[in-house]
Amino acid sequence: MPAWTSAATFEFPPTVTLRQAQVLKAAVFLACLGSAAWLLWGAVGGGSLGADPVKTLQIVTGLTTLILLFITLGVTPLRRFLSWNWLGPLRRMLGLFAFAYLVGHALIYFVFDQSLDPRLIWDDTIEHPRIAVGFLAFLLLIPLALTSTDRAIRTLGKRWGRLHRLIYPATLLGVVHYLMVQKLDLREGFVFAGVFGALMLARVPALVARKGGRRG
């Protein structure tokens, strides 16, 4: 399944006990809070966000969003190839944390960078198309976040899986947005593009097998 939500009936394999699963979930939760904790410490706890705090906030929240989206997309291949089924219940948390950081990334831009001025936002979008690309990625992820509940899975049925495939174009747009932000030094952006390409290629065998099964 391509999205970040796990089925409500998922059972942990014998190799991972319920207690171990709870510890793992808590550890991942704390790890996801790492970037937010670092930014909070830099802002009010005696640390430093550098000469341009707003830029630091934007960079950290944006990079954290992309990395969490990559990890979310990596859950399915790892479960398939390595039989790490215990990763399944973590997918929802990872995806929602990615969306939370993206919301923070957007708010920082609209509030601190553009002062919630529609004219400034419009002019900046026209001058820098990367803003539109990033905002489109944000819009694509909204329905995924809103339907990341067990009730939504039951209500939408097969449509839920199709809807949550939006994570693919949303992540791709995130990579493009990052490349456009980098301008001259594209090395990190190309690394992210490579990671995304590898995550997509890892899904090809399952797609081929699924189509072959339909023909059969």
N, C-alpha and C. Protein backbone atom coordinates (compact mmCIF):
# COMPACT_ATOMS: atom_id res chain seq x y z
N MET A 1 0.85 -1.18 0.00
CA MET A 1 0.00 0.00 0.00
C MET A 1 0.89 1.24 0.00
N PRO A 2 0.55 2.23 -0.80
CA PRO A 2 1.48 3.33 -1.03
C PRO A 2 1.44 4.43 -0.01
N ALA A 3 0.46 4.45 0.86
CA ALA A 3 0.30 5.61 1.69
C ALA A 3 0.87 5.40 3.07
N TRP A 4 0.54 6.30 3.96
CA TRP A 4 1.21 6.28 5.25
C TRP A 4 0.34 5.67 6.35
N THR A 5 -0.80 5.18 6.01
CA THR A 5 -1.69 4.66 7.03
C THR A 5 -1.68 3.15 7.04
N SER A 6 -1.68 2.56 8.20
CA SER A 6 -1.71 1.11 8.32
C SER A 6 -3.11 0.65 8.64
N ALA A 7 -3.42 -0.57 8.23
CA ALA A 7 -4.75 -1.11 8.47
C ALA A 7 -4.97 -1.33 9.96
N ALA A 8 -6.20 -1.19 10.39
CA ALA A 8 -6.51 -1.30 11.81
C ALA A 8 -6.33 -2.73 12.31
N THR A 9 -6.42 -3.72 11.41
CA THR A 9 -6.35 -5.11 11.83
C THR A 9 -4.94 -5.68 11.77
N PHE A 10 -3.94 -4.84 11.58
CA PHE A 10 -2.56 -5.32 11.45
C PHE A 10 -2.12 -6.02 12.73
N GLU A 11 -1.48 -7.18 12.57
CA GLU A 11 -0.97 -7.92 13.73
C GLU A 11 0.55 -7.99 13.66
N PHE A 12 1.21 -7.79 14.79
CA PHE A 12 2.65 -7.86 14.83
C PHE A 12 3.11 -9.31 14.63
N PRO A 13 4.19 -9.53 13.87
CA PRO A 13 4.69 -10.88 13.67
C PRO A 13 5.28 -11.42 14.97
N PRO A 14 5.49 -12.72 15.08
CA PRO A 14 6.01 -13.31 16.32
C PRO A 14 7.36 -12.77 16.72
N THR A 15 8.16 -12.27 15.77
CA THR A 15 9.50 -11.80 16.09
C THR A 15 9.51 -10.48 16.85
N VAL A 16 8.38 -9.80 16.88
CA VAL A 16 8.28 -8.53 17.59
C VAL A 16 7.10 -8.61 18.55
N THR A 17 7.39 -8.54 19.82
CA THR A 17 6.33 -8.62 20.82
C THR A 17 5.60 -7.28 20.89
N LEU A 18 4.44 -7.30 21.50
CA LEU A 18 3.67 -6.07 21.64
C LEU A 18 4.45 -5.03 22.44
N ARG A 19 5.14 -5.46 23.48
CA ARG A 19 5.95 -4.54 24.29
C ARG A 19 7.06 -3.92 23.45
N GLN A 20 7.75 -4.75 22.65
CA GLN A 20 8.79 -4.24 21.78
C GLN A 20 8.22 -3.25 20.77
N ALA A 21 7.04 -3.55 20.25
CA ALA A 21 6.40 -2.67 19.29
C ALA A 21 6.07 -1.32 19.91
N GLN A 22 5.63 -1.33 21.16
CA GLN A 22 5.31 -0.08 21.84
C GLN A 22 6.56 0.76 22.08
N VAL A 23 7.66 0.08 22.45
CA VAL A 23 8.93 0.78 22.65
C VAL A 23 9.42 1.37 21.34
N LEU A 24 9.31 0.59 20.26
CA LEU A 24 9.74 1.06 18.95
C LEU A 24 8.92 2.27 18.51
N LYS A 25 7.62 2.20 18.72
CA LYS A 25 6.76 3.32 18.33
C LYS A 25 7.11 4.57 19.12
N ALA A 26 7.38 4.41 20.40
CA ALA A 26 7.76 5.56 21.23
C ALA A 26 9.10 6.15 20.77
N ALA A 27 10.03 5.27 20.40
CA ALA A 27 11.34 5.74 19.95
C ALA A 27 11.22 6.51 18.64
N VAL A 28 10.41 6.01 17.72
CA VAL A 28 10.21 6.71 16.45
C VAL A 28 9.51 8.04 16.68
N PHE A 29 8.55 8.06 17.58
CA PHE A 29 7.84 9.30 17.92
C PHE A 29 8.82 10.37 18.41
N LEU A 30 9.70 9.98 19.32
CA LEU A 30 10.68 10.92 19.85
C LEU A 30 11.66 11.36 18.78
N ALA A 31 12.05 10.43 17.90
CA ALA A 31 12.97 10.78 16.81
C ALA A 31 12.33 11.79 15.88
N CYS A 32 11.05 11.63 15.60
CA CYS A 32 10.35 12.56 14.72
C CYS A 32 10.27 13.96 15.34
N LEU A 33 10.27 14.03 16.66
CA LEU A 33 10.23 15.31 17.34
C LEU A 33 11.59 16.00 17.39
N GLY A 34 12.63 15.29 16.93
CA GLY A 34 13.99 15.81 17.06
C GLY A 34 14.19 17.18 16.44
N SER A 35 13.76 17.35 15.19
CA SER A 35 13.94 18.64 14.51
C SER A 35 13.19 19.76 15.22
N ALA A 36 11.95 19.48 15.63
CA ALA A 36 11.16 20.49 16.33
C ALA A 36 11.81 20.87 17.66
N ALA A 37 12.34 19.87 18.37
CA ALA A 37 12.99 20.14 19.64
C ALA A 37 14.24 21.00 19.45
N TRP A 38 14.99 20.69 18.38
CA TRP A 38 16.21 21.47 18.11
C TRP A 38 15.87 22.92 17.78
N LEU A 39 14.82 23.11 16.97
CA LEU A 39 14.40 24.47 16.61
C LEU A 39 13.88 25.21 17.84
N LEU A 40 13.14 24.53 18.68
CA LEU A 40 12.61 25.17 19.89
C LEU A 40 13.74 25.58 20.82
N TRP A 41 14.74 24.71 20.95
CA TRP A 41 15.89 25.05 21.78
C TRP A 41 16.65 26.24 21.20
N GLY A 42 16.78 26.27 19.89
CA GLY A 42 17.47 27.40 19.26
C GLY A 42 16.71 28.70 19.41
N ALA A 43 15.37 28.61 19.45
CA ALA A 43 14.56 29.83 19.51
C ALA A 43 14.41 30.38 20.92
N VAL A 44 14.18 29.49 21.90
CA VAL A 44 13.87 29.99 23.24
C VAL A 44 14.69 29.34 24.34
N GLY A 45 15.47 28.34 24.01
CA GLY A 45 16.13 27.58 25.07
C GLY A 45 17.60 27.90 25.27
N GLY A 46 18.10 28.92 24.62
CA GLY A 46 19.50 29.28 24.82
C GLY A 46 20.40 28.89 23.67
N GLY A 47 19.83 28.22 22.65
CA GLY A 47 20.62 27.89 21.47
C GLY A 47 20.64 29.05 20.49
N SER A 48 20.90 28.75 19.24
CA SER A 48 20.95 29.79 18.22
C SER A 48 20.43 29.27 16.90
N LEU A 49 19.68 30.10 16.20
CA LEU A 49 19.18 29.76 14.88
C LEU A 49 19.96 30.48 13.79
N GLY A 50 21.09 31.04 14.15
CA GLY A 50 21.95 31.68 13.17
C GLY A 50 21.57 33.12 12.89
N ALA A 51 22.23 33.70 11.89
CA ALA A 51 22.01 35.11 11.57
C ALA A 51 20.64 35.35 10.97
N ASP A 52 20.06 34.35 10.32
CA ASP A 52 18.73 34.48 9.69
C ASP A 52 17.83 33.36 10.23
N PRO A 53 17.20 33.59 11.38
CA PRO A 53 16.39 32.54 12.03
C PRO A 53 15.25 32.03 11.14
N VAL A 54 14.62 32.92 10.40
CA VAL A 54 13.50 32.50 9.54
C VAL A 54 13.98 31.52 8.48
N LYS A 55 15.12 31.83 7.87
CA LYS A 55 15.68 30.93 6.87
C LYS A 55 16.03 29.57 7.48
N THR A 56 16.59 29.60 8.68
CA THR A 56 16.91 28.34 9.37
C THR A 56 15.67 27.52 9.62
N LEU A 57 14.59 28.17 10.08
CA LEU A 57 13.33 27.49 10.31
C LEU A 57 12.80 26.86 9.03
N GLN A 58 12.89 27.61 7.94
CA GLN A 58 12.39 27.11 6.66
C GLN A 58 13.19 25.90 6.18
N ILE A 59 14.51 26.00 6.28
CA ILE A 59 15.37 24.92 5.80
C ILE A 59 15.14 23.64 6.61
N VAL A 60 15.14 23.77 7.93
CA VAL A 60 15.03 22.58 8.78
C VAL A 60 13.67 21.92 8.62
N THR A 61 12.59 22.70 8.62
CA THR A 61 11.26 22.11 8.47
C THR A 61 11.08 21.51 7.08
N GLY A 62 11.62 22.16 6.06
CA GLY A 62 11.50 21.62 4.70
C GLY A 62 12.27 20.32 4.52
N LEU A 63 13.52 20.29 5.00
CA LEU A 63 14.32 19.07 4.89
C LEU A 63 13.71 17.93 5.71
N THR A 64 13.22 18.25 6.89
CA THR A 64 12.61 17.21 7.72
C THR A 64 11.38 16.63 7.04
N THR A 65 10.59 17.47 6.40
CA THR A 65 9.42 16.99 5.67
C THR A 65 9.81 16.00 4.59
N LEU A 66 10.81 16.36 3.77
CA LEU A 66 11.24 15.48 2.69
C LEU A 66 11.77 14.15 3.22
N ILE A 67 12.61 14.23 4.24
CA ILE A 67 13.21 13.00 4.80
C ILE A 67 12.13 12.08 5.36
N LEU A 68 11.16 12.65 6.06
CA LEU A 68 10.09 11.83 6.61
C LEU A 68 9.21 11.23 5.51
N LEU A 69 9.00 11.97 4.44
CA LEU A 69 8.25 11.41 3.31
C LEU A 69 9.02 10.25 2.68
N PHE A 70 10.34 10.39 2.57
CA PHE A 70 11.16 9.29 2.02
C PHE A 70 11.06 8.06 2.93
N ILE A 71 11.17 8.27 4.23
CA ILE A 71 11.10 7.14 5.16
C ILE A 71 9.72 6.48 5.07
N THR A 72 8.67 7.30 4.97
CA THR A 72 7.32 6.77 4.83
C THR A 72 7.20 5.91 3.58
N LEU A 73 7.73 6.41 2.47
CA LEU A 73 7.69 5.64 1.23
C LEU A 73 8.56 4.39 1.30
N GLY A 74 9.55 4.40 2.18
CA GLY A 74 10.44 3.25 2.29
C GLY A 74 9.87 2.10 3.10
N VAL A 75 8.78 2.35 3.81
CA VAL A 75 8.20 1.29 4.66
C VAL A 75 7.73 0.10 3.82
N THR A 76 7.00 0.36 2.75
CA THR A 76 6.46 -0.73 1.94
C THR A 76 7.55 -1.59 1.31
N PRO A 77 8.58 -1.02 0.66
CA PRO A 77 9.65 -1.88 0.12
C PRO A 77 10.37 -2.70 1.18
N LEU A 78 10.60 -2.12 2.34
CA LEU A 78 11.28 -2.86 3.41
C LEU A 78 10.41 -4.01 3.91
N ARG A 79 9.13 -3.78 4.00
CA ARG A 79 8.23 -4.87 4.42
C ARG A 79 8.21 -5.98 3.37
N ARG A 80 8.25 -5.57 2.11
CA ARG A 80 8.14 -6.55 1.03
C ARG A 80 9.43 -7.36 0.86
N PHE A 81 10.57 -6.69 0.84
CA PHE A 81 11.83 -7.36 0.53
C PHE A 81 12.48 -8.01 1.74
N LEU A 82 12.33 -7.39 2.93
CA LEU A 82 12.99 -7.90 4.12
C LEU A 82 12.02 -8.51 5.13
N SER A 83 10.73 -8.51 4.79
CA SER A 83 9.70 -9.06 5.69
C SER A 83 9.68 -8.33 7.04
N TRP A 84 9.99 -7.05 7.02
CA TRP A 84 9.94 -6.25 8.24
C TRP A 84 8.51 -5.73 8.44
N ASN A 85 7.59 -6.63 8.68
CA ASN A 85 6.19 -6.25 8.79
C ASN A 85 5.91 -5.36 10.01
N TRP A 86 6.81 -5.40 10.99
CA TRP A 86 6.62 -4.59 12.17
C TRP A 86 6.71 -3.09 11.88
N LEU A 87 7.17 -2.75 10.66
CA LEU A 87 7.24 -1.34 10.29
C LEU A 87 5.86 -0.77 9.93
N GLY A 88 4.93 -1.66 9.60
CA GLY A 88 3.63 -1.21 9.11
C GLY A 88 2.92 -0.21 10.00
N PRO A 89 2.80 -0.48 11.29
CA PRO A 89 2.08 0.45 12.16
C PRO A 89 2.76 1.81 12.31
N LEU A 90 4.02 1.94 11.89
CA LEU A 90 4.72 3.21 12.04
C LEU A 90 4.44 4.17 10.88
N ARG A 91 3.87 3.64 9.80
CA ARG A 91 3.71 4.45 8.59
C ARG A 91 2.79 5.64 8.80
N ARG A 92 1.71 5.43 9.51
CA ARG A 92 0.77 6.52 9.75
C ARG A 92 1.45 7.65 10.52
N MET A 93 2.18 7.30 11.59
CA MET A 93 2.87 8.30 12.39
C MET A 93 3.88 9.09 11.57
N LEU A 94 4.68 8.38 10.77
CA LEU A 94 5.69 9.04 9.95
C LEU A 94 5.05 10.02 8.97
N GLY A 95 3.98 9.59 8.32
CA GLY A 95 3.32 10.46 7.36
C GLY A 95 2.71 11.69 8.00
N LEU A 96 2.10 11.51 9.15
CA LEU A 96 1.48 12.65 9.82
C LEU A 96 2.53 13.62 10.35
N PHE A 97 3.65 13.10 10.81
CA PHE A 97 4.74 14.00 11.22
C PHE A 97 5.27 14.77 10.02
N ALA A 98 5.39 14.11 8.88
CA ALA A 98 5.84 14.80 7.66
C ALA A 98 4.89 15.94 7.33
N PHE A 99 3.59 15.68 7.43
CA PHE A 99 2.61 16.72 7.13
C PHE A 99 2.68 17.85 8.16
N ALA A 100 2.89 17.51 9.42
CA ALA A 100 2.98 18.53 10.46
C ALA A 100 4.16 19.46 10.21
N TYR A 101 5.31 18.89 9.82
CA TYR A 101 6.46 19.74 9.51
C TYR A 101 6.20 20.58 8.26
N LEU A 102 5.45 20.02 7.32
CA LEU A 102 5.13 20.79 6.11
C LEU A 102 4.21 21.96 6.45
N VAL A 103 3.26 21.73 7.33
CA VAL A 103 2.39 22.82 7.78
C VAL A 103 3.23 23.91 8.44
N GLY A 104 4.17 23.50 9.30
CA GLY A 104 5.07 24.47 9.91
C GLY A 104 5.89 25.22 8.88
N HIS A 105 6.38 24.50 7.87
CA HIS A 105 7.17 25.10 6.79
C HIS A 105 6.35 26.17 6.07
N ALA A 106 5.09 25.85 5.77
CA ALA A 106 4.22 26.80 5.08
C ALA A 106 3.90 28.01 5.94
N LEU A 107 3.60 27.77 7.21
CA LEU A 107 3.26 28.87 8.10
C LEU A 107 4.43 29.83 8.30
N ILE A 108 5.62 29.28 8.39
CA ILE A 108 6.81 30.12 8.53
C ILE A 108 6.94 31.05 7.33
N TYR A 109 6.69 30.49 6.14
CA TYR A 109 6.78 31.32 4.93
C TYR A 109 5.69 32.38 4.91
N PHE A 110 4.44 31.98 5.13
CA PHE A 110 3.33 32.92 5.02
C PHE A 110 3.35 33.97 6.12
N VAL A 111 3.69 33.57 7.34
CA VAL A 111 3.59 34.49 8.48
C VAL A 111 4.86 35.32 8.66
N PHE A 112 6.00 34.64 8.76
CA PHE A 112 7.24 35.36 9.09
C PHE A 112 7.94 35.94 7.86
N ASP A 113 7.84 35.25 6.73
CA ASP A 113 8.54 35.72 5.54
C ASP A 113 7.70 36.71 4.73
N GLN A 114 6.39 36.50 4.67
CA GLN A 114 5.53 37.34 3.84
C GLN A 114 4.49 38.12 4.63
N SER A 115 4.51 38.00 5.94
CA SER A 115 3.63 38.79 6.83
C SER A 115 2.14 38.65 6.48
N LEU A 116 1.76 37.50 5.95
CA LEU A 116 0.37 37.22 5.57
C LEU A 116 -0.19 38.26 4.60
N ASP A 117 0.67 38.85 3.80
CA ASP A 117 0.26 39.86 2.83
C ASP A 117 0.01 39.17 1.48
N PRO A 118 -1.24 39.08 1.03
CA PRO A 118 -1.54 38.39 -0.24
C PRO A 118 -0.78 38.95 -1.42
N ARG A 119 -0.59 40.27 -1.45
CA ARG A 119 0.13 40.88 -2.57
C ARG A 119 1.59 40.42 -2.59
N LEU A 120 2.23 40.41 -1.41
CA LEU A 120 3.61 39.96 -1.33
C LEU A 120 3.73 38.49 -1.74
N ILE A 121 2.78 37.68 -1.27
CA ILE A 121 2.81 36.25 -1.60
C ILE A 121 2.63 36.04 -3.09
N TRP A 122 1.70 36.77 -3.70
CA TRP A 122 1.45 36.64 -5.14
C TRP A 122 2.68 37.07 -5.93
N ASP A 123 3.24 38.22 -5.59
CA ASP A 123 4.42 38.72 -6.31
C ASP A 123 5.59 37.75 -6.17
N ASP A 124 5.77 37.19 -4.98
CA ASP A 124 6.88 36.25 -4.77
C ASP A 124 6.66 34.97 -5.55
N THR A 125 5.40 34.53 -5.65
CA THR A 125 5.10 33.31 -6.41
C THR A 125 5.36 33.51 -7.89
N ILE A 126 5.00 34.68 -8.41
CA ILE A 126 5.25 34.98 -9.82
C ILE A 126 6.75 35.03 -10.10
N GLU A 127 7.50 35.65 -9.19
CA GLU A 127 8.95 35.78 -9.38
C GLU A 127 9.68 34.47 -9.14
N HIS A 128 9.17 33.66 -8.21
CA HIS A 128 9.83 32.40 -7.85
C HIS A 128 8.82 31.25 -7.96
N PRO A 129 8.75 30.59 -9.11
CA PRO A 129 7.78 29.50 -9.31
C PRO A 129 7.92 28.36 -8.30
N ARG A 130 9.05 28.26 -7.62
CA ARG A 130 9.22 27.20 -6.63
C ARG A 130 8.17 27.29 -5.53
N ILE A 131 7.66 28.50 -5.27
CA ILE A 131 6.62 28.67 -4.25
C ILE A 131 5.36 27.92 -4.68
N ALA A 132 4.98 28.07 -5.94
CA ALA A 132 3.79 27.38 -6.45
C ALA A 132 3.97 25.86 -6.42
N VAL A 133 5.19 25.40 -6.74
CA VAL A 133 5.46 23.96 -6.73
C VAL A 133 5.33 23.41 -5.32
N GLY A 134 5.91 24.10 -4.36
CA GLY A 134 5.82 23.65 -2.97
C GLY A 134 4.40 23.69 -2.46
N PHE A 135 3.64 24.73 -2.85
CA PHE A 135 2.27 24.84 -2.37
C PHE A 135 1.39 23.74 -2.96
N LEU A 136 1.66 23.35 -4.21
CA LEU A 136 0.90 22.26 -4.82
C LEU A 136 1.16 20.95 -4.08
N ALA A 137 2.42 20.71 -3.70
CA ALA A 137 2.74 19.52 -2.91
C ALA A 137 1.97 19.54 -1.59
N PHE A 138 1.89 20.70 -0.97
CA PHE A 138 1.15 20.85 0.27
C PHE A 138 -0.33 20.51 0.08
N LEU A 139 -0.93 21.01 -0.99
CA LEU A 139 -2.35 20.75 -1.27
C LEU A 139 -2.60 19.27 -1.50
N LEU A 140 -1.67 18.58 -2.17
CA LEU A 140 -1.85 17.15 -2.45
C LEU A 140 -1.81 16.31 -1.17
N LEU A 141 -1.07 16.78 -0.18
CA LEU A 141 -0.94 16.00 1.06
C LEU A 141 -2.07 16.24 2.05
N ILE A 142 -2.84 17.31 1.85
CA ILE A 142 -3.93 17.60 2.78
C ILE A 142 -4.95 16.46 2.86
N PRO A 143 -5.46 15.97 1.71
CA PRO A 143 -6.45 14.87 1.83
C PRO A 143 -5.86 13.60 2.43
N LEU A 144 -4.57 13.38 2.29
CA LEU A 144 -3.95 12.21 2.89
C LEU A 144 -3.96 12.33 4.41
N ALA A 145 -3.64 13.52 4.91
CA ALA A 145 -3.65 13.73 6.35
C ALA A 145 -5.06 13.61 6.91
N LEU A 146 -6.03 14.16 6.19
CA LEU A 146 -7.42 14.14 6.67
C LEU A 146 -8.02 12.74 6.68
N THR A 147 -7.50 11.85 5.85
CA THR A 147 -8.05 10.49 5.77
C THR A 147 -7.13 9.46 6.41
N SER A 148 -6.21 9.89 7.24
CA SER A 148 -5.30 8.96 7.92
C SER A 148 -5.90 8.47 9.24
N THR A 149 -7.09 7.93 9.15
CA THR A 149 -7.77 7.37 10.31
C THR A 149 -8.33 6.00 9.92
N ASP A 150 -8.54 5.16 10.91
CA ASP A 150 -9.13 3.85 10.65
C ASP A 150 -10.53 3.98 10.06
N ARG A 151 -11.26 4.98 10.53
CA ARG A 151 -12.62 5.18 10.02
C ARG A 151 -12.60 5.54 8.55
N ALA A 152 -11.63 6.39 8.14
CA ALA A 152 -11.53 6.77 6.74
C ALA A 152 -11.21 5.56 5.87
N ILE A 153 -10.35 4.68 6.36
CA ILE A 153 -10.01 3.46 5.62
C ILE A 153 -11.26 2.63 5.37
N ARG A 154 -12.06 2.46 6.42
CA ARG A 154 -13.27 1.65 6.28
C ARG A 154 -14.29 2.33 5.37
N THR A 155 -14.40 3.64 5.49
CA THR A 155 -15.41 4.37 4.71
C THR A 155 -15.06 4.41 3.22
N LEU A 156 -13.81 4.68 2.92
CA LEU A 156 -13.40 4.85 1.53
C LEU A 156 -13.17 3.52 0.82
N GLY A 157 -12.83 2.48 1.56
CA GLY A 157 -12.59 1.19 0.93
C GLY A 157 -11.43 1.24 -0.06
N LYS A 158 -11.66 0.72 -1.27
CA LYS A 158 -10.61 0.69 -2.29
C LYS A 158 -10.22 2.10 -2.73
N ARG A 159 -11.14 3.04 -2.62
CA ARG A 159 -10.82 4.42 -3.03
C ARG A 159 -9.74 5.03 -2.15
N TRP A 160 -9.64 4.55 -0.90
CA TRP A 160 -8.62 5.07 0.01
C TRP A 160 -7.22 4.82 -0.54
N GLY A 161 -6.97 3.63 -1.04
CA GLY A 161 -5.66 3.31 -1.59
C GLY A 161 -5.32 4.17 -2.79
N ARG A 162 -6.30 4.39 -3.66
CA ARG A 162 -6.06 5.24 -4.83
C ARG A 162 -5.79 6.68 -4.42
N LEU A 163 -6.54 7.16 -3.42
CA LEU A 163 -6.34 8.53 -2.95
C LEU A 163 -4.94 8.71 -2.38
N HIS A 164 -4.48 7.72 -1.63
CA HIS A 164 -3.19 7.86 -0.96
C HIS A 164 -2.00 7.67 -1.88
N ARG A 165 -2.25 7.36 -3.14
CA ARG A 165 -1.16 7.38 -4.12
C ARG A 165 -0.71 8.80 -4.42
N LEU A 166 -1.45 9.79 -3.94
CA LEU A 166 -1.04 11.18 -4.10
C LEU A 166 0.29 11.47 -3.41
N ILE A 167 0.70 10.58 -2.52
CA ILE A 167 1.99 10.79 -1.86
C ILE A 167 3.13 10.77 -2.86
N TYR A 168 2.95 10.04 -3.98
CA TYR A 168 4.01 9.97 -4.98
C TYR A 168 4.24 11.31 -5.68
N PRO A 169 3.21 11.90 -6.31
CA PRO A 169 3.45 13.21 -6.94
C PRO A 169 3.78 14.30 -5.92
N ALA A 170 3.22 14.19 -4.71
CA ALA A 170 3.52 15.21 -3.69
C ALA A 170 4.99 15.18 -3.32
N THR A 171 5.55 13.98 -3.14
CA THR A 171 6.97 13.88 -2.81
C THR A 171 7.84 14.32 -3.97
N LEU A 172 7.44 13.95 -5.18
CA LEU A 172 8.19 14.40 -6.36
C LEU A 172 8.21 15.92 -6.44
N LEU A 173 7.07 16.55 -6.21
CA LEU A 173 7.02 18.02 -6.22
C LEU A 173 7.89 18.60 -5.11
N GLY A 174 7.95 17.91 -3.97
CA GLY A 174 8.82 18.36 -2.90
C GLY A 174 10.28 18.35 -3.31
N VAL A 175 10.68 17.30 -4.03
CA VAL A 175 12.05 17.20 -4.52
C VAL A 175 12.33 18.32 -5.53
N VAL A 176 11.38 18.54 -6.45
CA VAL A 176 11.54 19.61 -7.45
C VAL A 176 11.63 20.97 -6.76
N HIS A 177 10.79 21.18 -5.76
CA HIS A 177 10.82 22.43 -4.99
C HIS A 177 12.20 22.63 -4.37
N TYR A 178 12.76 21.58 -3.80
CA TYR A 178 14.08 21.69 -3.17
C TYR A 178 15.15 22.00 -4.20
N LEU A 179 15.07 21.35 -5.36
CA LEU A 179 16.04 21.62 -6.44
C LEU A 179 15.96 23.08 -6.88
N MET A 180 14.75 23.60 -6.97
CA MET A 180 14.58 24.99 -7.41
C MET A 180 15.09 25.97 -6.36
N VAL A 181 14.98 25.59 -5.09
CA VAL A 181 15.48 26.45 -4.01
C VAL A 181 17.00 26.51 -4.03
N GLN A 182 17.65 25.38 -4.37
CA GLN A 182 19.10 25.31 -4.34
C GLN A 182 19.77 26.18 -5.38
N LYS A 183 19.11 26.37 -6.52
CA LYS A 183 19.59 27.24 -7.61
C LYS A 183 20.90 26.72 -8.20
N LEU A 184 22.03 27.06 -7.59
CA LEU A 184 23.33 26.75 -8.19
C LEU A 184 23.91 25.43 -7.70
N ASP A 185 23.92 25.21 -6.40
CA ASP A 185 24.48 23.99 -5.84
C ASP A 185 23.37 22.94 -5.73
N LEU A 186 23.30 22.08 -6.74
CA LEU A 186 22.21 21.11 -6.83
C LEU A 186 22.58 19.73 -6.31
N ARG A 187 23.75 19.59 -5.69
CA ARG A 187 24.21 18.26 -5.30
C ARG A 187 23.25 17.57 -4.33
N GLU A 188 22.84 18.26 -3.29
CA GLU A 188 21.91 17.64 -2.34
C GLU A 188 20.58 17.35 -3.00
N GLY A 189 20.14 18.26 -3.86
CA GLY A 189 18.89 18.04 -4.55
C GLY A 189 18.92 16.80 -5.43
N PHE A 190 20.05 16.57 -6.10
CA PHE A 190 20.18 15.38 -6.94
C PHE A 190 20.22 14.11 -6.08
N VAL A 191 20.79 14.21 -4.89
CA VAL A 191 20.77 13.07 -3.98
C VAL A 191 19.33 12.72 -3.61
N PHE A 192 18.54 13.73 -3.29
CA PHE A 192 17.14 13.50 -2.96
C PHE A 192 16.38 12.94 -4.16
N ALA A 193 16.68 13.45 -5.35
CA ALA A 193 16.04 12.93 -6.55
C ALA A 193 16.40 11.46 -6.76
N GLY A 194 17.66 11.11 -6.47
CA GLY A 194 18.07 9.71 -6.59
C GLY A 194 17.37 8.82 -5.59
N VAL A 195 17.21 9.31 -4.36
CA VAL A 195 16.50 8.54 -3.34
C VAL A 195 15.06 8.31 -3.77
N PHE A 196 14.42 9.35 -4.26
CA PHE A 196 13.04 9.20 -4.70
C PHE A 196 12.93 8.22 -5.86
N GLY A 197 13.86 8.32 -6.82
CA GLY A 197 13.86 7.39 -7.94
C GLY A 197 14.03 5.94 -7.49
N ALA A 198 14.92 5.72 -6.52
CA ALA A 198 15.14 4.37 -6.00
C ALA A 198 13.89 3.84 -5.30
N LEU A 199 13.20 4.71 -4.56
CA LEU A 199 11.98 4.29 -3.87
C LEU A 199 10.89 3.92 -4.87
N MET A 200 10.85 4.63 -6.00
CA MET A 200 9.86 4.31 -7.03
C MET A 200 10.22 3.01 -7.75
N LEU A 201 11.50 2.82 -8.04
CA LEU A 201 11.93 1.59 -8.70
C LEU A 201 11.68 0.37 -7.84
N ALA A 202 11.77 0.54 -6.53
CA ALA A 202 11.53 -0.59 -5.62
C ALA A 202 10.10 -1.08 -5.68
N ARG A 203 9.22 -0.25 -6.23
CA ARG A 203 7.82 -0.63 -6.33
C ARG A 203 7.49 -1.33 -7.66
N VAL A 204 8.42 -1.30 -8.59
CA VAL A 204 8.16 -1.88 -9.91
C VAL A 204 7.86 -3.38 -9.86
N PRO A 205 8.66 -4.21 -9.15
CA PRO A 205 8.36 -5.65 -9.12
C PRO A 205 6.95 -5.97 -8.66
N ALA A 206 6.50 -5.27 -7.61
CA ALA A 206 5.14 -5.53 -7.10
C ALA A 206 4.10 -5.11 -8.12
N LEU A 207 4.35 -3.99 -8.82
CA LEU A 207 3.42 -3.52 -9.84
C LEU A 207 3.33 -4.51 -10.99
N VAL A 208 4.48 -5.02 -11.43
CA VAL A 208 4.50 -6.00 -12.51
C VAL A 208 3.78 -7.28 -12.09
N ALA A 209 4.04 -7.72 -10.87
CA ALA A 209 3.40 -8.94 -10.38
C ALA A 209 1.89 -8.76 -10.28
N ARG A 210 1.46 -7.56 -9.85
CA ARG A 210 0.04 -7.30 -9.72
C ARG A 210 -0.65 -7.32 -11.08
N LYS A 211 -0.01 -6.70 -12.07
CA LYS A 211 -0.59 -6.70 -13.42
C LYS A 211 -0.59 -8.09 -14.02
N GLY A 212 0.48 -8.86 -13.75
CA GLY A 212 0.53 -10.23 -14.24
C GLY A 212 -0.56 -11.08 -13.63
N GLY A 213 -0.86 -10.83 -12.36
CA GLY A 213 -1.93 -11.58 -11.70
C GLY A 213 -3.28 -11.27 -12.28
N ARG A 214 -3.49 -10.02 -12.70
CA ARG A 214 -4.77 -9.66 -13.30
C ARG A 214 -4.95 -10.35 -14.64
N ARG A 215 -3.84 -10.44 -15.42
CA ARG A 215 -3.94 -11.10 -16.72
C ARG A 215 -4.23 -12.59 -16.54
N GLY A 216 -3.59 -13.15 -15.46
CA GLY A 216 -3.78 -14.57 -15.23
C GLY A 216 -5.18 -14.88 -14.76
